[in-house]
Amino acid sequence: MPCAENPLHWVLRCWNTTGIFGHVPVALRPAAFVLALLRDKQTEYILLACRRPEPSKARIAEQMHIAPDTVKRHCEDVYRLLDVHTKVELYIEAVRIGLVKCPCQLAREAQEQAKRKGLEG
């Protein structure tokens, strides 16, 4: 089975050649592998941080029921794990791995839903 269809095969091949993705750019890592690396709180942080309007770390801490310093640690861990440096890069990576839908996709889905309602009514 080709590597693109079987992420585990791709992971094992990369493990054997470069260690734990040592030289593999993040954008080439399979989304399923990246998602598997994220802990639940890190995923929750990404979902909250990618909302609009952009929430503060204090607001994220309140919503996650954790200390602001813990949010800061989650932020640093997520940025390092995903190899991003800005919120924009975080958002783009979150869309790539399927955690967040991009605005154009949301608009397209809303248009399709409106068309379906128009056809039904």
PDB file of N, CA and C in Angstrom:
ATOM      1  N   MET A   1       0.854  -1.181   0.000  1.00  0.00           N
ATOM      2  CA  MET A   1       0.000   0.000   0.000  1.00  0.00           C
ATOM      3  C   MET A   1       0.897   1.242   0.000  1.00  0.00           C
ATOM      4  N   PRO A   2       0.612   2.236  -0.861  1.00  0.00           N
ATOM      5  CA  PRO A   2       1.432   3.447  -0.903  1.00  0.00           C
ATOM      6  C   PRO A   2       1.410   4.196   0.433  1.00  0.00           C
ATOM      7  N   CYS A   3       2.473   4.920   0.693  1.00  0.00           N
ATOM      8  CA  CYS A   3       2.621   5.638   1.959  1.00  0.00           C
ATOM      9  C   CYS A   3       1.506   6.651   2.190  1.00  0.00           C
ATOM     10  N   ALA A   4       1.043   7.303   1.144  1.00  0.00           N
ATOM     11  CA  ALA A   4       0.012   8.330   1.313  1.00  0.00           C
ATOM     12  C   ALA A   4      -1.287   7.729   1.825  1.00  0.00           C
ATOM     13  N   GLU A   5      -1.545   6.461   1.520  1.00  0.00           N
ATOM     14  CA  GLU A   5      -2.784   5.827   1.944  1.00  0.00           C
ATOM     15  C   GLU A   5      -2.661   5.145   3.303  1.00  0.00           C
ATOM     16  N   ASN A   6      -1.450   4.905   3.745  1.00  0.00           N
ATOM     17  CA  ASN A   6      -1.238   4.218   5.008  1.00  0.00           C
ATOM     18  C   ASN A   6      -0.251   5.017   5.859  1.00  0.00           C
ATOM     19  N   PRO A   7      -0.772   5.924   6.711  1.00  0.00           N
ATOM     20  CA  PRO A   7       0.118   6.779   7.514  1.00  0.00           C
ATOM     21  C   PRO A   7       1.090   5.991   8.380  1.00  0.00           C
ATOM     22  N   LEU A   8       0.675   4.834   8.898  1.00  0.00           N
ATOM     23  CA  LEU A   8       1.564   4.060   9.751  1.00  0.00           C
ATOM     24  C   LEU A   8       2.797   3.599   8.973  1.00  0.00           C
ATOM     25  N   HIS A   9       2.592   3.163   7.738  1.00  0.00           N
ATOM     26  CA  HIS A   9       3.712   2.750   6.899  1.00  0.00           C
ATOM     27  C   HIS A   9       4.661   3.921   6.688  1.00  0.00           C
ATOM     28  N   TRP A  10       4.100   5.091   6.434  1.00  0.00           N
ATOM     29  CA  TRP A  10       4.902   6.292   6.207  1.00  0.00           C
ATOM     30  C   TRP A  10       5.689   6.635   7.463  1.00  0.00           C
ATOM     31  N   VAL A  11       5.033   6.554   8.636  1.00  0.00           N
ATOM     32  CA  VAL A  11       5.688   6.843   9.911  1.00  0.00           C
ATOM     33  C   VAL A  11       6.857   5.890  10.129  1.00  0.00           C
ATOM     34  N   LEU A  12       6.616   4.610   9.931  1.00  0.00           N
ATOM     35  CA  LEU A  12       7.678   3.632  10.151  1.00  0.00           C
ATOM     36  C   LEU A  12       8.838   3.838   9.190  1.00  0.00           C
ATOM     37  N   ARG A  13       8.540   4.160   7.947  1.00  0.00           N
ATOM     38  CA  ARG A  13       9.606   4.404   6.977  1.00  0.00           C
ATOM     39  C   ARG A  13      10.439   5.606   7.387  1.00  0.00           C
ATOM     40  N   CYS A  14       9.771   6.684   7.827  1.00  0.00           N
ATOM     41  CA  CYS A  14      10.494   7.876   8.247  1.00  0.00           C
ATOM     42  C   CYS A  14      11.287   7.617   9.525  1.00  0.00           C
ATOM     43  N   TRP A  15      10.727   6.810  10.416  1.00  0.00           N
ATOM     44  CA  TRP A  15      11.428   6.469  11.651  1.00  0.00           C
ATOM     45  C   TRP A  15      12.756   5.781  11.321  1.00  0.00           C
ATOM     46  N   ASN A  16      12.707   4.883  10.349  1.00  0.00           N
ATOM     47  CA  ASN A  16      13.904   4.128   9.995  1.00  0.00           C
ATOM     48  C   ASN A  16      14.944   4.981   9.296  1.00  0.00           C
ATOM     49  N   THR A  17      14.539   6.049   8.618  1.00  0.00           N
ATOM     50  CA  THR A  17      15.499   6.830   7.838  1.00  0.00           C
ATOM     51  C   THR A  17      15.948   8.108   8.526  1.00  0.00           C
ATOM     52  N   THR A  18      15.087   8.738   9.324  1.00  0.00           N
ATOM     53  CA  THR A  18      15.459  10.044   9.877  1.00  0.00           C
ATOM     54  C   THR A  18      15.217  10.162  11.371  1.00  0.00           C
ATOM     55  N   GLY A  19      14.889   9.097  12.057  1.00  0.00           N
ATOM     56  CA  GLY A  19      14.531   9.239  13.459  1.00  0.00           C
ATOM     57  C   GLY A  19      13.100   9.715  13.546  1.00  0.00           C
ATOM     58  N   ILE A  20      12.739  10.338  14.629  1.00  0.00           N
ATOM     59  CA  ILE A  20      11.355  10.769  14.812  1.00  0.00           C
ATOM     60  C   ILE A  20      11.116  12.048  14.018  1.00  0.00           C
ATOM     61  N   PHE A  21      10.916  11.916  12.730  1.00  0.00           N
ATOM     62  CA  PHE A  21      10.640  13.050  11.839  1.00  0.00           C
ATOM     63  C   PHE A  21      11.677  14.145  11.955  1.00  0.00           C
ATOM     64  N   GLY A  22      12.902  13.771  12.263  1.00  0.00           N
ATOM     65  CA  GLY A  22      13.950  14.762  12.449  1.00  0.00           C
ATOM     66  C   GLY A  22      14.123  15.710  11.280  1.00  0.00           C
ATOM     67  N   HIS A  23      14.045  15.210  10.060  1.00  0.00           N
ATOM     68  CA  HIS A  23      14.299  16.052   8.889  1.00  0.00           C
ATOM     69  C   HIS A  23      13.083  16.177   7.981  1.00  0.00           C
ATOM     70  N   VAL A  24      11.935  15.728   8.449  1.00  0.00           N
ATOM     71  CA  VAL A  24      10.725  15.783   7.626  1.00  0.00           C
ATOM     72  C   VAL A  24       9.957  17.057   7.966  1.00  0.00           C
ATOM     73  N   PRO A  25       9.740  17.956   7.001  1.00  0.00           N
ATOM     74  CA  PRO A  25       8.992  19.181   7.287  1.00  0.00           C
ATOM     75  C   PRO A  25       7.588  18.863   7.786  1.00  0.00           C
ATOM     76  N   VAL A  26       7.078  19.719   8.666  1.00  0.00           N
ATOM     77  CA  VAL A  26       5.760  19.500   9.262  1.00  0.00           C
ATOM     78  C   VAL A  26       4.695  19.367   8.191  1.00  0.00           C
ATOM     79  N   ALA A  27       4.772  20.186   7.154  1.00  0.00           N
ATOM     80  CA  ALA A  27       3.746  20.163   6.111  1.00  0.00           C
ATOM     81  C   ALA A  27       3.674  18.821   5.398  1.00  0.00           C
ATOM     82  N   LEU A  28       4.736  18.018   5.458  1.00  0.00           N
ATOM     83  CA  LEU A  28       4.730  16.719   4.806  1.00  0.00           C
ATOM     84  C   LEU A  28       4.327  15.592   5.747  1.00  0.00           C
ATOM     85  N   ARG A  29       4.190  15.888   7.025  1.00  0.00           N
ATOM     86  CA  ARG A  29       3.773  14.866   7.977  1.00  0.00           C
ATOM     87  C   ARG A  29       2.290  14.575   7.785  1.00  0.00           C
ATOM     88  N   PRO A  30       1.885  13.334   7.823  1.00  0.00           N
ATOM     89  CA  PRO A  30       0.462  13.011   7.677  1.00  0.00           C
ATOM     90  C   PRO A  30      -0.352  13.643   8.804  1.00  0.00           C
ATOM     91  N   ALA A  31      -1.505  14.179   8.462  1.00  0.00           N
ATOM     92  CA  ALA A  31      -2.360  14.838   9.453  1.00  0.00           C
ATOM     93  C   ALA A  31      -2.717  13.884  10.588  1.00  0.00           C
ATOM     94  N   ALA A  32      -2.973  12.632  10.261  1.00  0.00           N
ATOM     95  CA  ALA A  32      -3.338  11.655  11.299  1.00  0.00           C
ATOM     96  C   ALA A  32      -2.217  11.483  12.311  1.00  0.00           C
ATOM     97  N   PHE A  33      -0.975  11.531  11.840  1.00  0.00           N
ATOM     98  CA  PHE A  33       0.158  11.396  12.753  1.00  0.00           C
ATOM     99  C   PHE A  33       0.255  12.622  13.655  1.00  0.00           C
ATOM    100  N   VAL A  34       0.101  13.809  13.088  1.00  0.00           N
ATOM    101  CA  VAL A  34       0.173  15.037  13.879  1.00  0.00           C
ATOM    102  C   VAL A  34      -0.941  15.044  14.920  1.00  0.00           C
ATOM    103  N   LEU A  35      -2.152  14.664  14.520  1.00  0.00           N
ATOM    104  CA  LEU A  35      -3.274  14.621  15.466  1.00  0.00           C
ATOM    105  C   LEU A  35      -3.007  13.618  16.590  1.00  0.00           C
ATOM    106  N   ALA A  36      -2.362  12.509  16.257  1.00  0.00           N
ATOM    107  CA  ALA A  36      -2.074  11.501  17.278  1.00  0.00           C
ATOM    108  C   ALA A  36      -1.058  12.000  18.296  1.00  0.00           C
ATOM    109  N   LEU A  37      -0.199  12.922  17.896  1.00  0.00           N
ATOM    110  CA  LEU A  37       0.806  13.460  18.811  1.00  0.00           C
ATOM    111  C   LEU A  37       0.217  14.457  19.808  1.00  0.00           C
ATOM    112  N   LEU A  38      -0.901  15.079  19.441  1.00  0.00           N
ATOM    113  CA  LEU A  38      -1.497  16.110  20.293  1.00  0.00           C
ATOM    114  C   LEU A  38      -2.237  15.488  21.464  1.00  0.00           C
ATOM    115  N   ARG A  39      -2.002  16.025  22.656  1.00  0.00           N
ATOM    116  CA  ARG A  39      -2.778  15.609  23.820  1.00  0.00           C
ATOM    117  C   ARG A  39      -4.125  16.333  23.779  1.00  0.00           C
ATOM    118  N   ASP A  40      -5.088  15.860  24.568  1.00  0.00           N
ATOM    119  CA  ASP A  40      -6.439  16.432  24.561  1.00  0.00           C
ATOM    120  C   ASP A  40      -6.434  17.923  24.868  1.00  0.00           C
ATOM    121  N   LYS A  41      -5.679  18.331  25.879  1.00  0.00           N
ATOM    122  CA  LYS A  41      -5.646  19.752  26.257  1.00  0.00           C
ATOM    123  C   LYS A  41      -4.985  20.596  25.176  1.00  0.00           C
ATOM    124  N   GLN A  42      -4.003  20.039  24.474  1.00  0.00           N
ATOM    125  CA  GLN A  42      -3.382  20.777  23.379  1.00  0.00           C
ATOM    126  C   GLN A  42      -4.373  20.967  22.231  1.00  0.00           C
ATOM    127  N   THR A  43      -5.138  19.926  21.939  1.00  0.00           N
ATOM    128  CA  THR A  43      -6.162  20.037  20.901  1.00  0.00           C
ATOM    129  C   THR A  43      -7.208  21.061  21.307  1.00  0.00           C
ATOM    130  N   GLU A  44      -7.623  21.024  22.561  1.00  0.00           N
ATOM    131  CA  GLU A  44      -8.594  21.994  23.062  1.00  0.00           C
ATOM    132  C   GLU A  44      -8.040  23.410  22.956  1.00  0.00           C
ATOM    133  N   TYR A  45      -6.761  23.587  23.280  1.00  0.00           N
ATOM    134  CA  TYR A  45      -6.135  24.908  23.155  1.00  0.00           C
ATOM    135  C   TYR A  45      -6.191  25.391  21.707  1.00  0.00           C
ATOM    136  N   ILE A  46      -5.849  24.519  20.762  1.00  0.00           N
ATOM    137  CA  ILE A  46      -5.864  24.914  19.344  1.00  0.00           C
ATOM    138  C   ILE A  46      -7.268  25.347  18.927  1.00  0.00           C
ATOM    139  N   LEU A  47      -8.275  24.562  19.305  1.00  0.00           N
ATOM    140  CA  LEU A  47      -9.651  24.894  18.933  1.00  0.00           C
ATOM    141  C   LEU A  47     -10.073  26.249  19.498  1.00  0.00           C
ATOM    142  N   LEU A  48      -9.680  26.526  20.735  1.00  0.00           N
ATOM    143  CA  LEU A  48     -10.044  27.806  21.350  1.00  0.00           C
ATOM    144  C   LEU A  48      -9.226  28.955  20.767  1.00  0.00           C
ATOM    145  N   ALA A  49      -7.940  28.735  20.531  1.00  0.00           N
ATOM    146  CA  ALA A  49      -7.072  29.799  20.025  1.00  0.00           C
ATOM    147  C   ALA A  49      -7.422  30.201  18.597  1.00  0.00           C
ATOM    148  N   CYS A  50      -8.014  29.292  17.837  1.00  0.00           N
ATOM    149  CA  CYS A  50      -8.338  29.578  16.430  1.00  0.00           C
ATOM    150  C   CYS A  50      -9.718  30.188  16.252  1.00  0.00           C
ATOM    151  N   ARG A  51     -10.412  30.456  17.338  1.00  0.00           N
ATOM    152  CA  ARG A  51     -11.726  31.096  17.229  1.00  0.00           C
ATOM    153  C   ARG A  51     -11.586  32.569  16.872  1.00  0.00           C
ATOM    154  N   ARG A  52     -12.633  33.108  16.321  1.00  0.00           N
ATOM    155  CA  ARG A  52     -12.691  34.537  16.033  1.00  0.00           C
ATOM    156  C   ARG A  52     -13.856  35.135  16.795  1.00  0.00           C
ATOM    157  N   PRO A  53     -13.732  36.270  17.436  1.00  0.00           N
ATOM    158  CA  PRO A  53     -12.494  37.034  17.583  1.00  0.00           C
ATOM    159  C   PRO A  53     -11.505  36.294  18.466  1.00  0.00           C
ATOM    160  N   GLU A  54     -10.231  36.564  18.225  1.00  0.00           N
ATOM    161  CA  GLU A  54      -9.157  35.855  18.915  1.00  0.00           C
ATOM    162  C   GLU A  54      -9.229  36.069  20.427  1.00  0.00           C
ATOM    163  N   PRO A  55      -9.367  34.986  21.201  1.00  0.00           N
ATOM    164  CA  PRO A  55      -9.450  35.127  22.652  1.00  0.00           C
ATOM    165  C   PRO A  55      -8.072  35.334  23.283  1.00  0.00           C
ATOM    166  N   SER A  56      -8.053  35.977  24.438  1.00  0.00           N
ATOM    167  CA  SER A  56      -6.795  36.156  25.171  1.00  0.00           C
ATOM    168  C   SER A  56      -6.438  34.856  25.868  1.00  0.00           C
ATOM    169  N   LYS A  57      -5.192  34.770  26.313  1.00  0.00           N
ATOM    170  CA  LYS A  57      -4.768  33.574  27.045  1.00  0.00           C
ATOM    171  C   LYS A  57      -5.553  33.436  28.347  1.00  0.00           C
ATOM    172  N   ALA A  58      -5.906  34.574  28.963  1.00  0.00           N
ATOM    173  CA  ALA A  58      -6.693  34.530  30.202  1.00  0.00           C
ATOM    174  C   ALA A  58      -8.079  33.945  29.929  1.00  0.00           C
ATOM    175  N   ARG A  59      -8.676  34.344  28.815  1.00  0.00           N
ATOM    176  CA  ARG A  59     -10.002  33.827  28.452  1.00  0.00           C
ATOM    177  C   ARG A  59      -9.923  32.326  28.130  1.00  0.00           C
ATOM    178  N   ILE A  60      -8.865  31.927  27.423  1.00  0.00           N
ATOM    179  CA  ILE A  60      -8.680  30.508  27.109  1.00  0.00           C
ATOM    180  C   ILE A  60      -8.512  29.718  28.405  1.00  0.00           C
ATOM    181  N   ALA A  61      -7.724  30.251  29.344  1.00  0.00           N
ATOM    182  CA  ALA A  61      -7.517  29.576  30.635  1.00  0.00           C
ATOM    183  C   ALA A  61      -8.837  29.412  31.372  1.00  0.00           C
ATOM    184  N   GLU A  62      -9.662  30.435  31.319  1.00  0.00           N
ATOM    185  CA  GLU A  62     -10.977  30.381  31.969  1.00  0.00           C
ATOM    186  C   GLU A  62     -11.847  29.293  31.339  1.00  0.00           C
ATOM    187  N   GLN A  63     -11.847  29.221  30.018  1.00  0.00           N
ATOM    188  CA  GLN A  63     -12.677  28.235  29.325  1.00  0.00           C
ATOM    189  C   GLN A  63     -12.165  26.809  29.501  1.00  0.00           C
ATOM    190  N   MET A  64     -10.839  26.654  29.654  1.00  0.00           N
ATOM    191  CA  MET A  64     -10.261  25.325  29.835  1.00  0.00           C
ATOM    192  C   MET A  64     -10.194  24.917  31.308  1.00  0.00           C
ATOM    193  N   HIS A  65     -10.518  25.855  32.193  1.00  0.00           N
ATOM    194  CA  HIS A  65     -10.477  25.617  33.639  1.00  0.00           C
ATOM    195  C   HIS A  65      -9.067  25.246  34.113  1.00  0.00           C
ATOM    196  N   ILE A  66      -8.085  26.012  33.614  1.00  0.00           N
ATOM    197  CA  ILE A  66      -6.696  25.810  34.019  1.00  0.00           C
ATOM    198  C   ILE A  66      -6.061  27.173  34.263  1.00  0.00           C
ATOM    199  N   ALA A  67      -4.863  27.182  34.819  1.00  0.00           N
ATOM    200  CA  ALA A  67      -4.149  28.426  35.113  1.00  0.00           C
ATOM    201  C   ALA A  67      -3.599  29.045  33.828  1.00  0.00           C
ATOM    202  N   PRO A  68      -3.497  30.385  33.776  1.00  0.00           N
ATOM    203  CA  PRO A  68      -2.929  31.045  32.595  1.00  0.00           C
ATOM    204  C   PRO A  68      -1.510  30.568  32.259  1.00  0.00           C
ATOM    205  N   ASP A  69      -0.718  30.254  33.280  1.00  0.00           N
ATOM    206  CA  ASP A  69       0.633  29.734  33.017  1.00  0.00           C
ATOM    207  C   ASP A  69       0.583  28.385  32.303  1.00  0.00           C
ATOM    208  N   THR A  70      -0.420  27.576  32.612  1.00  0.00           N
ATOM    209  CA  THR A  70      -0.585  26.288  31.941  1.00  0.00           C
ATOM    210  C   THR A  70      -0.966  26.506  30.487  1.00  0.00           C
ATOM    211  N   VAL A  71      -1.797  27.509  30.216  1.00  0.00           N
ATOM    212  CA  VAL A  71      -2.152  27.846  28.833  1.00  0.00           C
ATOM    213  C   VAL A  71      -0.899  28.253  28.072  1.00  0.00           C
ATOM    214  N   LYS A  72      -0.063  29.038  28.728  1.00  0.00           N
ATOM    215  CA  LYS A  72       1.182  29.465  28.083  1.00  0.00           C
ATOM    216  C   LYS A  72       2.035  28.248  27.731  1.00  0.00           C
ATOM    217  N   ARG A  73       2.108  27.270  28.630  1.00  0.00           N
ATOM    218  CA  ARG A  73       2.888  26.048  28.377  1.00  0.00           C
ATOM    219  C   ARG A  73       2.272  25.239  27.229  1.00  0.00           C
ATOM    220  N   HIS A  74       0.934  25.130  27.216  1.00  0.00           N
ATOM    221  CA  HIS A  74       0.266  24.438  26.100  1.00  0.00           C
ATOM    222  C   HIS A  74       0.575  25.144  24.783  1.00  0.00           C
ATOM    223  N   CYS A  75       0.525  26.464  24.806  1.00  0.00           N
ATOM    224  CA  CYS A  75       0.815  27.263  23.606  1.00  0.00           C
ATOM    225  C   CYS A  75       2.227  26.969  23.101  1.00  0.00           C
ATOM    226  N   GLU A  76       3.190  27.009  23.991  1.00  0.00           N
ATOM    227  CA  GLU A  76       4.580  26.746  23.604  1.00  0.00           C
ATOM    228  C   GLU A  76       4.744  25.325  23.074  1.00  0.00           C
ATOM    229  N   ASP A  77       4.120  24.365  23.747  1.00  0.00           N
ATOM    230  CA  ASP A  77       4.214  22.970  23.309  1.00  0.00           C
ATOM    231  C   ASP A  77       3.604  22.772  21.930  1.00  0.00           C
ATOM    232  N   VAL A  78       2.431  23.366  21.708  1.00  0.00           N
ATOM    233  CA  VAL A  78       1.746  23.234  20.419  1.00  0.00           C
ATOM    234  C   VAL A  78       2.557  23.902  19.317  1.00  0.00           C
ATOM    235  N   TYR A  79       3.061  25.087  19.569  1.00  0.00           N
ATOM    236  CA  TYR A  79       3.854  25.790  18.556  1.00  0.00           C
ATOM    237  C   TYR A  79       5.093  24.971  18.185  1.00  0.00           C
ATOM    238  N   ARG A  80       5.752  24.371  19.189  1.00  0.00           N
ATOM    239  CA  ARG A  80       6.946  23.571  18.934  1.00  0.00           C
ATOM    240  C   ARG A  80       6.574  22.293  18.175  1.00  0.00           C
ATOM    241  N   LEU A  81       5.521  21.620  18.614  1.00  0.00           N
ATOM    242  CA  LEU A  81       5.103  20.372  17.995  1.00  0.00           C
ATOM    243  C   LEU A  81       4.700  20.574  16.536  1.00  0.00           C
ATOM    244  N   LEU A  82       3.958  21.644  16.268  1.00  0.00           N
ATOM    245  CA  LEU A  82       3.487  21.905  14.904  1.00  0.00           C
ATOM    246  C   LEU A  82       4.474  22.721  14.080  1.00  0.00           C
ATOM    247  N   ASP A  83       5.573  23.140  14.715  1.00  0.00           N
ATOM    248  CA  ASP A  83       6.600  23.946  14.054  1.00  0.00           C
ATOM    249  C   ASP A  83       6.003  25.212  13.446  1.00  0.00           C
ATOM    250  N   VAL A  84       5.229  25.929  14.262  1.00  0.00           N
ATOM    251  CA  VAL A  84       4.647  27.210  13.845  1.00  0.00           C
ATOM    252  C   VAL A  84       5.187  28.297  14.755  1.00  0.00           C
ATOM    253  N   HIS A  85       5.100  29.548  14.282  1.00  0.00           N
ATOM    254  CA  HIS A  85       5.663  30.657  15.046  1.00  0.00           C
ATOM    255  C   HIS A  85       4.669  31.779  15.298  1.00  0.00           C
ATOM    256  N   THR A  86       3.541  31.768  14.601  1.00  0.00           N
ATOM    257  CA  THR A  86       2.530  32.811  14.760  1.00  0.00           C
ATOM    258  C   THR A  86       1.143  32.177  14.834  1.00  0.00           C
ATOM    259  N   LYS A  87       0.159  32.980  15.259  1.00  0.00           N
ATOM    260  CA  LYS A  87      -1.225  32.483  15.302  1.00  0.00           C
ATOM    261  C   LYS A  87      -1.726  32.156  13.900  1.00  0.00           C
ATOM    262  N   VAL A  88      -1.288  32.925  12.917  1.00  0.00           N
ATOM    263  CA  VAL A  88      -1.709  32.655  11.533  1.00  0.00           C
ATOM    264  C   VAL A  88      -1.200  31.289  11.092  1.00  0.00           C
ATOM    265  N   GLU A  89       0.064  30.996  11.372  1.00  0.00           N
ATOM    266  CA  GLU A  89       0.614  29.690  11.026  1.00  0.00           C
ATOM    267  C   GLU A  89      -0.105  28.579  11.787  1.00  0.00           C
ATOM    268  N   LEU A  90      -0.439  28.837  13.056  1.00  0.00           N
ATOM    269  CA  LEU A  90      -1.187  27.853  13.844  1.00  0.00           C
ATOM    270  C   LEU A  90      -2.538  27.575  13.192  1.00  0.00           C
ATOM    271  N   TYR A  91      -3.226  28.628  12.771  1.00  0.00           N
ATOM    272  CA  TYR A  91      -4.533  28.483  12.131  1.00  0.00           C
ATOM    273  C   TYR A  91      -4.416  27.675  10.832  1.00  0.00           C
ATOM    274  N   ILE A  92      -3.416  27.996  10.031  1.00  0.00           N
ATOM    275  CA  ILE A  92      -3.216  27.295   8.757  1.00  0.00           C
ATOM    276  C   ILE A  92      -2.954  25.811   9.007  1.00  0.00           C
ATOM    277  N   GLU A  93      -2.107  25.508   9.996  1.00  0.00           N
ATOM    278  CA  GLU A  93      -1.801  24.108  10.307  1.00  0.00           C
ATOM    279  C   GLU A  93      -3.033  23.401  10.867  1.00  0.00           C
ATOM    280  N   ALA A  94      -3.823  24.094  11.682  1.00  0.00           N
ATOM    281  CA  ALA A  94      -5.051  23.503  12.230  1.00  0.00           C
ATOM    282  C   ALA A  94      -6.031  23.164  11.108  1.00  0.00           C
ATOM    283  N   VAL A  95      -6.105  24.005  10.091  1.00  0.00           N
ATOM    284  CA  VAL A  95      -6.949  23.718   8.924  1.00  0.00           C
ATOM    285  C   VAL A  95      -6.382  22.524   8.169  1.00  0.00           C
ATOM    286  N   ARG A  96      -5.059  22.489   7.984  1.00  0.00           N
ATOM    287  CA  ARG A  96      -4.430  21.396   7.228  1.00  0.00           C
ATOM    288  C   ARG A  96      -4.659  20.039   7.875  1.00  0.00           C
ATOM    289  N   ILE A  97      -4.589  19.973   9.205  1.00  0.00           N
ATOM    290  CA  ILE A  97      -4.754  18.678   9.865  1.00  0.00           C
ATOM    291  C   ILE A  97      -6.216  18.369  10.185  1.00  0.00           C
ATOM    292  N   GLY A  98      -7.116  19.298   9.855  1.00  0.00           N
ATOM    293  CA  GLY A  98      -8.539  19.016   9.968  1.00  0.00           C
ATOM    294  C   GLY A  98      -9.191  19.365  11.293  1.00  0.00           C
ATOM    295  N   LEU A  99      -8.510  20.125  12.139  1.00  0.00           N
ATOM    296  CA  LEU A  99      -9.123  20.527  13.411  1.00  0.00           C
ATOM    297  C   LEU A  99     -10.085  21.691  13.241  1.00  0.00           C
ATOM    298  N   VAL A 100      -9.796  22.555  12.286  1.00  0.00           N
ATOM    299  CA  VAL A 100     -10.568  23.780  12.084  1.00  0.00           C
ATOM    300  C   VAL A 100     -10.943  23.875  10.612  1.00  0.00           C
ATOM    301  N   LYS A 101     -12.120  24.374  10.341  1.00  0.00           N
ATOM    302  CA  LYS A 101     -12.529  24.601   8.956  1.00  0.00           C
ATOM    303  C   LYS A 101     -12.166  26.030   8.569  1.00  0.00           C
ATOM    304  N   CYS A 102     -11.703  26.199   7.334  1.00  0.00           N
ATOM    305  CA  CYS A 102     -11.360  27.543   6.881  1.00  0.00           C
ATOM    306  C   CYS A 102     -12.651  28.298   6.552  1.00  0.00           C
ATOM    307  N   PRO A 103     -12.613  29.638   6.632  1.00  0.00           N
ATOM    308  CA  PRO A 103     -13.819  30.434   6.382  1.00  0.00           C
ATOM    309  C   PRO A 103     -14.453  30.195   5.018  1.00  0.00           C
ATOM    310  N   CYS A 104     -13.636  29.984   3.991  1.00  0.00           N
ATOM    311  CA  CYS A 104     -14.206  29.760   2.658  1.00  0.00           C
ATOM    312  C   CYS A 104     -14.979  28.442   2.628  1.00  0.00           C
ATOM    313  N   GLN A 105     -14.509  27.439   3.354  1.00  0.00           N
ATOM    314  CA  GLN A 105     -15.215  26.163   3.419  1.00  0.00           C
ATOM    315  C   GLN A 105     -16.539  26.324   4.165  1.00  0.00           C
ATOM    316  N   LEU A 106     -16.529  27.099   5.238  1.00  0.00           N
ATOM    317  CA  LEU A 106     -17.763  27.355   5.981  1.00  0.00           C
ATOM    318  C   LEU A 106     -18.778  28.096   5.113  1.00  0.00           C
ATOM    319  N   ALA A 107     -18.298  29.087   4.344  1.00  0.00           N
ATOM    320  CA  ALA A 107     -19.187  29.845   3.461  1.00  0.00           C
ATOM    321  C   ALA A 107     -19.775  28.935   2.386  1.00  0.00           C
ATOM    322  N   ARG A 108     -18.944  28.061   1.820  1.00  0.00           N
ATOM    323  CA  ARG A 108     -19.406  27.135   0.789  1.00  0.00           C
ATOM    324  C   ARG A 108     -20.473  26.186   1.349  1.00  0.00           C
ATOM    325  N   GLU A 109     -20.250  25.687   2.564  1.00  0.00           N
ATOM    326  CA  GLU A 109     -21.223  24.802   3.190  1.00  0.00           C
ATOM    327  C   GLU A 109     -22.534  25.529   3.459  1.00  0.00           C
ATOM    328  N   ALA A 110     -22.456  26.794   3.879  1.00  0.00           N
ATOM    329  CA  ALA A 110     -23.659  27.583   4.133  1.00  0.00           C
ATOM    330  C   ALA A 110     -24.435  27.806   2.832  1.00  0.00           C
ATOM    331  N   GLN A 111     -23.736  28.069   1.736  1.00  0.00           N
ATOM    332  CA  GLN A 111     -24.391  28.255   0.443  1.00  0.00           C
ATOM    333  C   GLN A 111     -25.083  26.965  -0.007  1.00  0.00           C
ATOM    334  N   GLU A 112     -24.391  25.842   0.156  1.00  0.00           N
ATOM    335  CA  GLU A 112     -24.982  24.561  -0.235  1.00  0.00           C
ATOM    336  C   GLU A 112     -26.207  24.242   0.609  1.00  0.00           C
ATOM    337  N   GLN A 113     -26.138  24.557   1.891  1.00  0.00           N
ATOM    338  CA  GLN A 113     -27.288  24.324   2.771  1.00  0.00           C
ATOM    339  C   GLN A 113     -28.454  25.215   2.374  1.00  0.00           C
ATOM    340  N   ALA A 114     -28.177  26.475   2.024  1.00  0.00           N
ATOM    341  CA  ALA A 114     -29.237  27.380   1.594  1.00  0.00           C
ATOM    342  C   ALA A 114     -29.875  26.897   0.296  1.00  0.00           C
ATOM    343  N   LYS A 115     -29.058  26.373  -0.621  1.00  0.00           N
ATOM    344  CA  LYS A 115     -29.581  25.841  -1.886  1.00  0.00           C
ATOM    345  C   LYS A 115     -30.505  24.643  -1.616  1.00  0.00           C
ATOM    346  N   ARG A 116     -30.068  23.770  -0.698  1.00  0.00           N
ATOM    347  CA  ARG A 116     -30.880  22.602  -0.372  1.00  0.00           C
ATOM    348  C   ARG A 116     -32.216  23.022   0.246  1.00  0.00           C
ATOM    349  N   LYS A 117     -32.182  24.022   1.103  1.00  0.00           N
ATOM    350  CA  LYS A 117     -33.431  24.512   1.713  1.00  0.00           C
ATOM    351  C   LYS A 117     -34.336  25.128   0.671  1.00  0.00           C
ATOM    352  N   GLY A 118     -33.716  25.828  -0.311  1.00  0.00           N
ATOM    353  CA  GLY A 118     -34.492  26.430  -1.394  1.00  0.00           C
ATOM    354  C   GLY A 118     -35.150  25.390  -2.266  1.00  0.00           C
ATOM    355  N   LEU A 119     -34.470  24.285  -2.495  1.00  0.00           N
ATOM    356  CA  LEU A 119     -35.029  23.202  -3.314  1.00  0.00           C
ATOM    357  C   LEU A 119     -36.133  22.455  -2.561  1.00  0.00           C
ATOM    358  N   GLU A 120     -35.974  22.350  -1.256  1.00  0.00           N
ATOM    359  CA  GLU A 120     -36.978  21.640  -0.450  1.00  0.00           C
ATOM    360  C   GLU A 120     -38.255  22.462  -0.284  1.00  0.00           C
ATOM    361  N   GLY A 121     -38.090  23.788  -0.204  1.00  0.00           N
ATOM    362  CA  GLY A 121     -39.237  24.662   0.111  1.00  0.00           C
ATOM    363  C   GLY A 121     -40.015  25.097  -1.030  1.00  0.00           C
TER     364      GLY A 121
END
